[in-house]
């Protein structure tokens, strides 16, 4: 399997996000037949203070988000920042779809999980409310405007592949109606050595 055909640059990534969010995923029956899937991977910083550093990541997938639920979330994004606060609170309450965690930490519940088959492999998009510290919330800095995290994996039939992480993201619709994820600071991070645990 060749990954060069699917660029994981931020610009192309946003187009893929739009495609994944707005097109049907697995059917309800297919989702119910799925059992927990676990992926191990490494996150590597590409620039700045995190450049060259690597941490181990565990991703547990137990279910998938329906097309109807995704449309509801997108409606909140489209209505502006005030509804995005509501979106964050809504996503924080989602349980049972899966969890992502760095080794040594509890991690976060995954609020949106979408999976599609492409000519380059299985594309998995994961979206959740970002964990923010009390200090970050109290200081009311710019980072508070980027309250979500996004992770994308592209894996082959053996569950091996690569991906991208945007730790602090803000979803929005541009004036031309296209959807994008705006990132904070030096992002995204690369995800390497992805391996499905059998």
C-alpha atoms as a PDB file:
ATOM      1  CA  UNK A   1       0.000   0.000   0.000  1.00  0.00           C
ATOM      2  CA  UNK A   2       1.373   3.411  -0.987  1.00  0.00           C
ATOM      3  CA  UNK A   3       0.578   6.396   1.198  1.00  0.00           C
ATOM      4  CA  UNK A   4       2.095   9.123  -0.968  1.00  0.00           C
ATOM      5  CA  UNK A   5      -1.107   9.304  -3.005  1.00  0.00           C
ATOM      6  CA  UNK A   6      -3.038  10.635  -0.017  1.00  0.00           C
ATOM      7  CA  UNK A   7      -1.272  13.741   1.272  1.00  0.00           C
ATOM      8  CA  UNK A   8      -1.648  14.344   4.977  1.00  0.00           C
ATOM      9  CA  UNK A   9      -0.723  18.014   4.689  1.00  0.00           C
ATOM     10  CA  UNK A  10      -3.075  20.310   6.605  1.00  0.00           C
ATOM     11  CA  UNK A  11      -4.649  21.764   3.440  1.00  0.00           C
ATOM     12  CA  UNK A  12      -5.532  18.393   1.935  1.00  0.00           C
ATOM     13  CA  UNK A  13      -6.494  17.031   5.341  1.00  0.00           C
ATOM     14  CA  UNK A  14      -9.248  19.608   5.642  1.00  0.00           C
ATOM     15  CA  UNK A  15     -10.756  18.507   2.351  1.00  0.00           C
ATOM     16  CA  UNK A  16     -10.744  14.922   3.577  1.00  0.00           C
ATOM     17  CA  UNK A  17     -12.397  15.971   6.834  1.00  0.00           C
ATOM     18  CA  UNK A  18     -15.203  17.637   4.893  1.00  0.00           C
ATOM     19  CA  UNK A  19     -15.688  14.521   2.758  1.00  0.00           C
ATOM     20  CA  UNK A  20     -15.748  12.211   5.765  1.00  0.00           C
ATOM     21  CA  UNK A  21     -18.154  14.325   7.784  1.00  0.00           C
ATOM     22  CA  UNK A  22     -20.624  14.959   4.999  1.00  0.00           C
ATOM     23  CA  UNK A  23     -20.822  11.510   3.360  1.00  0.00           C
ATOM     24  CA  UNK A  24     -22.492   8.367   4.733  1.00  0.00           C
ATOM     25  CA  UNK A  25     -20.335   6.032   6.803  1.00  0.00           C
ATOM     26  CA  UNK A  26     -20.968   2.436   7.886  1.00  0.00           C
ATOM     27  CA  UNK A  27     -24.603   1.389   8.096  1.00  0.00           C
ATOM     28  CA  UNK A  28     -26.205   0.866  11.498  1.00  0.00           C
ATOM     29  CA  UNK A  29     -26.065  -2.907  11.110  1.00  0.00           C
ATOM     30  CA  UNK A  30     -22.386  -2.824  10.146  1.00  0.00           C
ATOM     31  CA  UNK A  31     -21.640  -0.662  13.176  1.00  0.00           C
ATOM     32  CA  UNK A  32     -23.421  -3.041  15.546  1.00  0.00           C
ATOM     33  CA  UNK A  33     -21.391  -5.957  14.189  1.00  0.00           C
ATOM     34  CA  UNK A  34     -18.122  -4.190  14.949  1.00  0.00           C
ATOM     35  CA  UNK A  35     -16.231  -5.179  18.088  1.00  0.00           C
ATOM     36  CA  UNK A  36     -13.673  -3.086  19.939  1.00  0.00           C
ATOM     37  CA  UNK A  37     -10.681  -2.257  17.797  1.00  0.00           C
ATOM     38  CA  UNK A  38      -7.423  -1.083  19.373  1.00  0.00           C
ATOM     39  CA  UNK A  39      -4.651   0.777  17.584  1.00  0.00           C
ATOM     40  CA  UNK A  40      -1.212   1.638  18.943  1.00  0.00           C
ATOM     41  CA  UNK A  41       0.788   4.478  17.417  1.00  0.00           C
ATOM     42  CA  UNK A  42       3.417   7.154  18.013  1.00  0.00           C
ATOM     43  CA  UNK A  43       2.785  10.911  17.804  1.00  0.00           C
ATOM     44  CA  UNK A  44       5.776  12.890  16.568  1.00  0.00           C
ATOM     45  CA  UNK A  45       6.157  16.668  16.659  1.00  0.00           C
ATOM     46  CA  UNK A  46       7.468  18.077  13.392  1.00  0.00           C
ATOM     47  CA  UNK A  47       8.356  21.650  14.418  1.00  0.00           C
ATOM     48  CA  UNK A  48       8.783  23.946  17.390  1.00  0.00           C
ATOM     49  CA  UNK A  49       9.374  22.763  20.973  1.00  0.00           C
ATOM     50  CA  UNK A  50       7.855  19.341  20.166  1.00  0.00           C
ATOM     51  CA  UNK A  51       9.968  18.839  17.047  1.00  0.00           C
ATOM     52  CA  UNK A  52      11.377  15.311  16.973  1.00  0.00           C
ATOM     53  CA  UNK A  53       9.736  14.257  20.231  1.00  0.00           C
ATOM     54  CA  UNK A  54       7.550  11.159  20.300  1.00  0.00           C
ATOM     55  CA  UNK A  55       4.841   9.821  22.619  1.00  0.00           C
ATOM     56  CA  UNK A  56       2.986   6.505  22.543  1.00  0.00           C
ATOM     57  CA  UNK A  57      -0.739   6.574  21.853  1.00  0.00           C
ATOM     58  CA  UNK A  58      -3.534   4.044  22.385  1.00  0.00           C
ATOM     59  CA  UNK A  59      -6.794   4.387  20.437  1.00  0.00           C
ATOM     60  CA  UNK A  60      -9.808   2.260  21.351  1.00  0.00           C
ATOM     61  CA  UNK A  61     -12.784   2.210  18.982  1.00  0.00           C
ATOM     62  CA  UNK A  62     -16.028   0.691  20.278  1.00  0.00           C
ATOM     63  CA  UNK A  63     -18.630   2.305  18.027  1.00  0.00           C
ATOM     64  CA  UNK A  64     -19.298   4.868  15.309  1.00  0.00           C
ATOM     65  CA  UNK A  65     -21.202   8.133  14.978  1.00  0.00           C
ATOM     66  CA  UNK A  66     -24.352   8.054  12.852  1.00  0.00           C
ATOM     67  CA  UNK A  67     -24.867  10.290   9.813  1.00  0.00           C
ATOM     68  CA  UNK A  68     -27.800  11.970  11.575  1.00  0.00           C
ATOM     69  CA  UNK A  69     -25.694  12.826  14.631  1.00  0.00           C
ATOM     70  CA  UNK A  70     -22.919  14.264  12.462  1.00  0.00           C
ATOM     71  CA  UNK A  71     -25.424  16.510  10.688  1.00  0.00           C
ATOM     72  CA  UNK A  72     -26.639  17.771  14.071  1.00  0.00           C
ATOM     73  CA  UNK A  73     -23.087  18.610  15.136  1.00  0.00           C
ATOM     74  CA  UNK A  74     -22.371  20.373  11.837  1.00  0.00           C
ATOM     75  CA  UNK A  75     -25.529  22.440  12.327  1.00  0.00           C
ATOM     76  CA  UNK A  76     -24.126  23.705  15.618  1.00  0.00           C
ATOM     77  CA  UNK A  77     -20.847  24.650  13.927  1.00  0.00           C
ATOM     78  CA  UNK A  78     -22.672  26.488  11.167  1.00  0.00           C
ATOM     79  CA  UNK A  79     -24.602  28.624  13.658  1.00  0.00           C
ATOM     80  CA  UNK A  80     -21.436  30.214  15.045  1.00  0.00           C
ATOM     81  CA  UNK A  81     -19.309  30.462  18.176  1.00  0.00           C
ATOM     82  CA  UNK A  82     -22.160  30.535  20.679  1.00  0.00           C
ATOM     83  CA  UNK A  83     -23.466  27.185  19.458  1.00  0.00           C
ATOM     84  CA  UNK A  84     -19.903  25.817  19.406  1.00  0.00           C
ATOM     85  CA  UNK A  85     -19.830  26.226  23.170  1.00  0.00           C
ATOM     86  CA  UNK A  86     -22.956  24.096  23.262  1.00  0.00           C
ATOM     87  CA  UNK A  87     -21.317  21.642  20.860  1.00  0.00           C
ATOM     88  CA  UNK A  88     -18.380  21.246  23.220  1.00  0.00           C
ATOM     89  CA  UNK A  89     -20.682  20.563  26.169  1.00  0.00           C
ATOM     90  CA  UNK A  90     -22.622  18.045  24.051  1.00  0.00           C
ATOM     91  CA  UNK A  91     -19.475  16.191  22.958  1.00  0.00           C
ATOM     92  CA  UNK A  92     -18.188  16.056  26.525  1.00  0.00           C
ATOM     93  CA  UNK A  93     -21.242  13.949  27.426  1.00  0.00           C
ATOM     94  CA  UNK A  94     -20.700  11.315  24.706  1.00  0.00           C
ATOM     95  CA  UNK A  95     -19.736   7.923  26.141  1.00  0.00           C
ATOM     96  CA  UNK A  96     -19.092   4.470  24.777  1.00  0.00           C
ATOM     97  CA  UNK A  97     -17.690   5.198  21.312  1.00  0.00           C
ATOM     98  CA  UNK A  98     -14.044   4.916  22.259  1.00  0.00           C
ATOM     99  CA  UNK A  99     -11.082   6.501  23.983  1.00  0.00           C
ATOM    100  CA  UNK A 100      -7.687   7.922  23.058  1.00  0.00           C
ATOM    101  CA  UNK A 101      -4.850   8.146  25.577  1.00  0.00           C
ATOM    102  CA  UNK A 102      -1.145   8.854  25.797  1.00  0.00           C
ATOM    103  CA  UNK A 103       0.808   6.257  27.756  1.00  0.00           C
ATOM    104  CA  UNK A 104       0.632   7.092  31.444  1.00  0.00           C
ATOM    105  CA  UNK A 105      -2.510   9.247  31.174  1.00  0.00           C
ATOM    106  CA  UNK A 106      -6.234   8.486  31.442  1.00  0.00           C
ATOM    107  CA  UNK A 107      -6.968  10.113  28.086  1.00  0.00           C
ATOM    108  CA  UNK A 108     -10.212  11.360  26.573  1.00  0.00           C
ATOM    109  CA  UNK A 109     -13.514   9.893  25.458  1.00  0.00           C
ATOM    110  CA  UNK A 110     -13.920  10.065  21.683  1.00  0.00           C
ATOM    111  CA  UNK A 111     -17.078  11.942  20.723  1.00  0.00           C
ATOM    112  CA  UNK A 112     -17.146  11.422  16.940  1.00  0.00           C
ATOM    113  CA  UNK A 113     -15.766   8.375  15.124  1.00  0.00           C
ATOM    114  CA  UNK A 114     -16.181   7.972  11.364  1.00  0.00           C
ATOM    115  CA  UNK A 115     -14.722   5.253   9.148  1.00  0.00           C
ATOM    116  CA  UNK A 116     -14.641   4.980   5.354  1.00  0.00           C
ATOM    117  CA  UNK A 117     -13.028   2.673   2.847  1.00  0.00           C
ATOM    118  CA  UNK A 118     -10.947   4.478   0.206  1.00  0.00           C
ATOM    119  CA  UNK A 119      -8.719   3.324  -2.635  1.00  0.00           C
ATOM    120  CA  UNK A 120      -5.725   3.981  -0.360  1.00  0.00           C
ATOM    121  CA  UNK A 121      -7.034   2.067   2.660  1.00  0.00           C
ATOM    122  CA  UNK A 122      -9.351   2.560   5.619  1.00  0.00           C
ATOM    123  CA  UNK A 123      -9.657   6.205   6.656  1.00  0.00           C
ATOM    124  CA  UNK A 124     -10.643   6.766  10.297  1.00  0.00           C
ATOM    125  CA  UNK A 125     -11.505  10.219  11.651  1.00  0.00           C
ATOM    126  CA  UNK A 126     -11.800  10.850  15.386  1.00  0.00           C
ATOM    127  CA  UNK A 127     -13.019  14.105  16.936  1.00  0.00           C
ATOM    128  CA  UNK A 128     -13.485  15.100  20.561  1.00  0.00           C
ATOM    129  CA  UNK A 129     -13.672  17.949  23.053  1.00  0.00           C
ATOM    130  CA  UNK A 130     -10.126  18.821  24.119  1.00  0.00           C
ATOM    131  CA  UNK A 131      -9.076  18.490  27.751  1.00  0.00           C
ATOM    132  CA  UNK A 132      -8.310  21.994  29.037  1.00  0.00           C
ATOM    133  CA  UNK A 133      -6.699  22.738  32.387  1.00  0.00           C
ATOM    134  CA  UNK A 134      -8.200  25.023  35.000  1.00  0.00           C
ATOM    135  CA  UNK A 135      -5.374  27.500  34.392  1.00  0.00           C
ATOM    136  CA  UNK A 136      -6.081  27.597  30.659  1.00  0.00           C
ATOM    137  CA  UNK A 137      -9.784  28.192  31.255  1.00  0.00           C
ATOM    138  CA  UNK A 138      -9.141  30.867  33.893  1.00  0.00           C
ATOM    139  CA  UNK A 139      -6.651  32.836  31.785  1.00  0.00           C
ATOM    140  CA  UNK A 140      -9.149  33.156  28.924  1.00  0.00           C
ATOM    141  CA  UNK A 141      -6.355  33.052  26.355  1.00  0.00           C
ATOM    142  CA  UNK A 142      -6.558  32.459  22.616  1.00  0.00           C
ATOM    143  CA  UNK A 143      -6.287  28.695  23.054  1.00  0.00           C
ATOM    144  CA  UNK A 144      -9.801  28.616  24.562  1.00  0.00           C
ATOM    145  CA  UNK A 145     -11.122  29.314  21.064  1.00  0.00           C
ATOM    146  CA  UNK A 146      -9.699  25.960  19.917  1.00  0.00           C
ATOM    147  CA  UNK A 147     -11.540  23.538  22.220  1.00  0.00           C
ATOM    148  CA  UNK A 148     -11.486  20.390  20.066  1.00  0.00           C
ATOM    149  CA  UNK A 149      -8.963  17.754  18.989  1.00  0.00           C
ATOM    150  CA  UNK A 150      -8.891  15.811  15.726  1.00  0.00           C
ATOM    151  CA  UNK A 151      -7.079  12.581  14.844  1.00  0.00           C
ATOM    152  CA  UNK A 152      -6.994  10.895  11.460  1.00  0.00           C
ATOM    153  CA  UNK A 153      -5.620   7.437  10.622  1.00  0.00           C
ATOM    154  CA  UNK A 154      -5.092   5.788   7.253  1.00  0.00           C
ATOM    155  CA  UNK A 155      -4.501   2.043   7.613  1.00  0.00           C
ATOM    156  CA  UNK A 156      -4.177  -0.955   5.316  1.00  0.00           C
ATOM    157  CA  UNK A 157      -5.841  -4.375   5.589  1.00  0.00           C
ATOM    158  CA  UNK A 158      -3.370  -5.399   8.299  1.00  0.00           C
ATOM    159  CA  UNK A 159      -4.159  -2.316  10.363  1.00  0.00           C
ATOM    160  CA  UNK A 160      -0.795  -0.650   9.699  1.00  0.00           C
ATOM    161  CA  UNK A 161      -0.455   2.948   8.593  1.00  0.00           C
ATOM    162  CA  UNK A 162       0.039   6.565   9.518  1.00  0.00           C
ATOM    163  CA  UNK A 163      -1.955   9.644  10.400  1.00  0.00           C
ATOM    164  CA  UNK A 164      -2.218  13.214  11.609  1.00  0.00           C
ATOM    165  CA  UNK A 165      -3.254  14.924  14.849  1.00  0.00           C
ATOM    166  CA  UNK A 166      -4.536  18.451  15.406  1.00  0.00           C
ATOM    167  CA  UNK A 167      -4.401  18.855  19.177  1.00  0.00           C
ATOM    168  CA  UNK A 168      -6.201  22.216  19.347  1.00  0.00           C
ATOM    169  CA  UNK A 169      -8.762  22.802  16.594  1.00  0.00           C
ATOM    170  CA  UNK A 170     -11.666  25.100  15.806  1.00  0.00           C
ATOM    171  CA  UNK A 171     -14.254  23.875  13.261  1.00  0.00           C
ATOM    172  CA  UNK A 172     -15.958  26.458  11.077  1.00  0.00           C
ATOM    173  CA  UNK A 173     -17.718  27.047   7.788  1.00  0.00           C
ATOM    174  CA  UNK A 174     -16.065  29.603   5.525  1.00  0.00           C
ATOM    175  CA  UNK A 175     -18.019  32.242   3.601  1.00  0.00           C
ATOM    176  CA  UNK A 176     -18.110  30.012   0.519  1.00  0.00           C
ATOM    177  CA  UNK A 177     -19.844  27.302   2.579  1.00  0.00           C
ATOM    178  CA  UNK A 178     -16.890  24.925   2.820  1.00  0.00           C
ATOM    179  CA  UNK A 179     -16.037  23.278   6.137  1.00  0.00           C
ATOM    180  CA  UNK A 180     -12.572  23.449   7.651  1.00  0.00           C
ATOM    181  CA  UNK A 181     -10.681  22.845  10.885  1.00  0.00           C
ATOM    182  CA  UNK A 182      -8.574  25.803  11.913  1.00  0.00           C
ATOM    183  CA  UNK A 183      -5.554  24.795  14.013  1.00  0.00           C
ATOM    184  CA  UNK A 184      -3.792  26.655  16.809  1.00  0.00           C
ATOM    185  CA  UNK A 185      -0.039  27.139  16.551  1.00  0.00           C
ATOM    186  CA  UNK A 186       2.409  24.675  15.046  1.00  0.00           C
ATOM    187  CA  UNK A 187       0.270  21.760  13.942  1.00  0.00           C
ATOM    188  CA  UNK A 188      -0.535  19.119  12.874  1.00  0.00           C
ATOM    189  CA  UNK A 189       1.556  16.382  14.482  1.00  0.00           C
ATOM    190  CA  UNK A 190       2.418  13.220  12.593  1.00  0.00           C
ATOM    191  CA  UNK A 191       1.163   9.804  13.663  1.00  0.00           C
ATOM    192  CA  UNK A 192       3.529   6.990  12.741  1.00  0.00           C
ATOM    193  CA  UNK A 193       3.925   3.253  13.392  1.00  0.00           C
ATOM    194  CA  UNK A 194       0.162   2.728  13.539  1.00  0.00           C
ATOM    195  CA  UNK A 195      -0.564  -0.910  14.338  1.00  0.00           C
ATOM    196  CA  UNK A 196      -3.882  -2.634  15.019  1.00  0.00           C
ATOM    197  CA  UNK A 197      -3.826  -4.941  18.030  1.00  0.00           C
ATOM    198  CA  UNK A 198      -5.299  -8.344  17.108  1.00  0.00           C
END
